[in-house]
Amino acid sequence: PDLSGYEKFGLGNVKYNISRIHVTTVEFPSASISLIPGTGIKLVIGNASLTIDMNWNIRTWMFKDSGRSTVYISKVFVTAIFSTPLDNTGHTAISLTSCRTTSGDIDIKLNGKS
């Protein structure tokens, strides 16, 4: 979904809109799944990265600008624990018990008219 809103900076507000958000690349160079007896499943993803392209525009009382942006997020680490209980019908259900995510680097390139 598109993102829009405003932020207050110094002498006035900055109105922004981010649209046409597309994840263009996702890489998982290191991933593992293991069973945790009596609990469920542990998923570990290491050193992942993703690239996101989007349109953006901003407007203040002094100027306005718009363009395209590419965001590259790298050194992403995720550890998630899923529980796997049986539901009322005897089928296995999956629910997220815990999740921890960290990212190391974020590179943002803005291409605009100004």
Protein backbone atom coordinates (compact mmCIF):
# COMPACT_ATOMS: atom_id res chain seq x y z
CA PRO A 1 0.00 0.00 0.00
CA ASP A 2 0.98 3.62 -0.51
CA LEU A 3 2.32 5.63 2.43
CA SER A 4 1.45 9.27 3.02
CA GLY A 5 1.48 11.77 5.83
CA TYR A 6 3.36 14.74 7.17
CA GLU A 7 6.23 15.46 9.50
CA LYS A 8 6.97 18.68 11.37
CA PHE A 9 10.43 20.14 10.66
CA GLY A 10 11.71 23.50 11.85
CA LEU A 11 9.59 26.18 10.22
CA GLY A 12 6.81 24.02 8.83
CA ASN A 13 5.37 20.70 7.81
CA VAL A 14 6.64 18.36 5.12
CA LYS A 15 3.87 16.47 3.37
CA TYR A 16 5.00 13.23 1.73
CA ASN A 17 3.62 10.43 -0.40
CA ILE A 18 5.35 7.16 -1.27
CA SER A 19 3.62 5.08 -3.93
CA ARG A 20 4.12 2.16 -6.33
CA ILE A 21 6.25 0.31 -3.78
CA HIS A 22 7.75 -2.84 -5.33
CA VAL A 23 10.15 -5.34 -3.79
CA THR A 24 12.38 -6.11 -6.76
CA THR A 25 15.03 -8.39 -5.24
CA VAL A 26 15.20 -10.67 -2.18
CA GLU A 27 18.24 -12.79 -1.37
CA PHE A 28 18.59 -15.42 1.38
CA PRO A 29 22.22 -16.61 1.19
CA SER A 30 21.97 -18.38 4.53
CA ALA A 31 18.76 -19.97 5.84
CA SER A 32 18.04 -22.93 8.07
CA ILE A 33 15.03 -24.64 9.60
CA SER A 34 15.24 -26.86 12.66
CA LEU A 35 12.76 -28.69 14.86
CA ILE A 36 12.45 -27.75 18.52
CA PRO A 37 11.08 -30.78 20.40
CA GLY A 38 7.83 -30.00 22.21
CA THR A 39 7.69 -26.48 20.78
CA GLY A 40 7.71 -26.31 16.99
CA ILE A 41 10.00 -24.94 14.32
CA LYS A 42 12.90 -22.49 14.38
CA LEU A 43 13.70 -20.50 11.23
CA VAL A 44 17.01 -18.62 10.99
CA ILE A 45 17.85 -16.35 8.05
CA GLY A 46 21.29 -14.79 7.95
CA ASN A 47 22.79 -12.00 5.88
CA ALA A 48 19.69 -11.50 3.74
CA SER A 49 19.13 -8.46 1.54
CA LEU A 50 16.33 -6.82 -0.40
CA THR A 51 15.85 -4.02 -2.89
CA ILE A 52 12.71 -1.85 -3.00
CA ASP A 53 11.78 0.62 -5.77
CA MET A 54 9.17 3.34 -5.28
CA ASN A 55 7.86 6.72 -6.39
CA TRP A 56 7.95 9.62 -3.93
CA ASN A 57 6.88 13.23 -3.66
CA ILE A 58 7.24 15.85 -0.97
CA ARG A 59 5.75 19.31 -0.51
CA THR A 60 6.58 22.10 1.91
CA TRP A 61 5.52 25.73 2.00
CA MET A 62 8.75 26.59 0.11
CA PHE A 63 9.07 23.85 -2.55
CA LYS A 64 7.85 20.57 -3.90
CA ASP A 65 9.70 17.70 -5.55
CA SER A 66 9.05 14.16 -6.75
CA GLY A 67 10.90 11.26 -8.30
CA ARG A 68 11.93 7.62 -7.99
CA SER A 69 13.81 5.96 -5.17
CA THR A 70 15.66 2.71 -4.63
CA VAL A 71 16.21 1.36 -1.13
CA TYR A 72 18.74 -1.42 -0.56
CA ILE A 73 18.63 -3.14 2.83
CA SER A 74 21.44 -5.58 3.64
CA LYS A 75 22.82 -7.61 6.54
CA VAL A 76 19.29 -8.63 7.56
CA PHE A 77 19.08 -11.33 10.21
CA VAL A 78 15.81 -13.02 11.23
CA THR A 79 15.13 -15.63 13.91
CA ALA A 80 11.53 -16.84 14.17
CA ILE A 81 9.96 -19.53 16.34
CA PHE A 82 6.71 -21.14 15.20
CA SER A 83 4.55 -23.31 17.46
CA THR A 84 2.81 -26.27 15.84
CA PRO A 85 -0.10 -27.35 18.05
CA LEU A 86 -2.99 -29.51 16.87
CA ASP A 87 -6.27 -27.69 16.29
CA ASN A 88 -9.73 -28.96 17.37
CA THR A 89 -9.98 -31.20 14.30
CA GLY A 90 -6.59 -32.82 14.86
CA HIS A 91 -4.80 -30.91 12.09
CA THR A 92 -1.52 -29.14 12.73
CA ALA A 93 -1.80 -25.38 13.11
CA ILE A 94 1.13 -22.97 12.80
CA SER A 95 1.45 -19.75 14.73
CA LEU A 96 4.33 -17.32 15.19
CA THR A 97 5.57 -17.44 18.79
CA SER A 98 8.50 -15.03 18.55
CA CYS A 99 10.42 -13.12 15.93
CA ARG A 100 13.60 -11.04 16.08
CA THR A 101 14.89 -9.07 13.10
CA THR A 102 17.90 -6.80 12.71
CA SER A 103 19.29 -4.98 9.69
CA GLY A 104 22.82 -3.69 9.27
CA ASP A 105 22.88 -1.30 6.32
CA ILE A 106 20.27 0.77 4.50
CA ASP A 107 21.23 2.61 1.32
CA ILE A 108 18.66 5.08 -0.10
CA LYS A 109 19.03 6.64 -3.56
CA LEU A 110 16.67 9.47 -4.44
CA ASN A 111 16.28 10.62 -8.02
CA GLY A 112 14.20 13.78 -8.32
CA LYS A 113 13.68 16.90 -10.34
CA SER A 114 15.71 19.04 -7.95
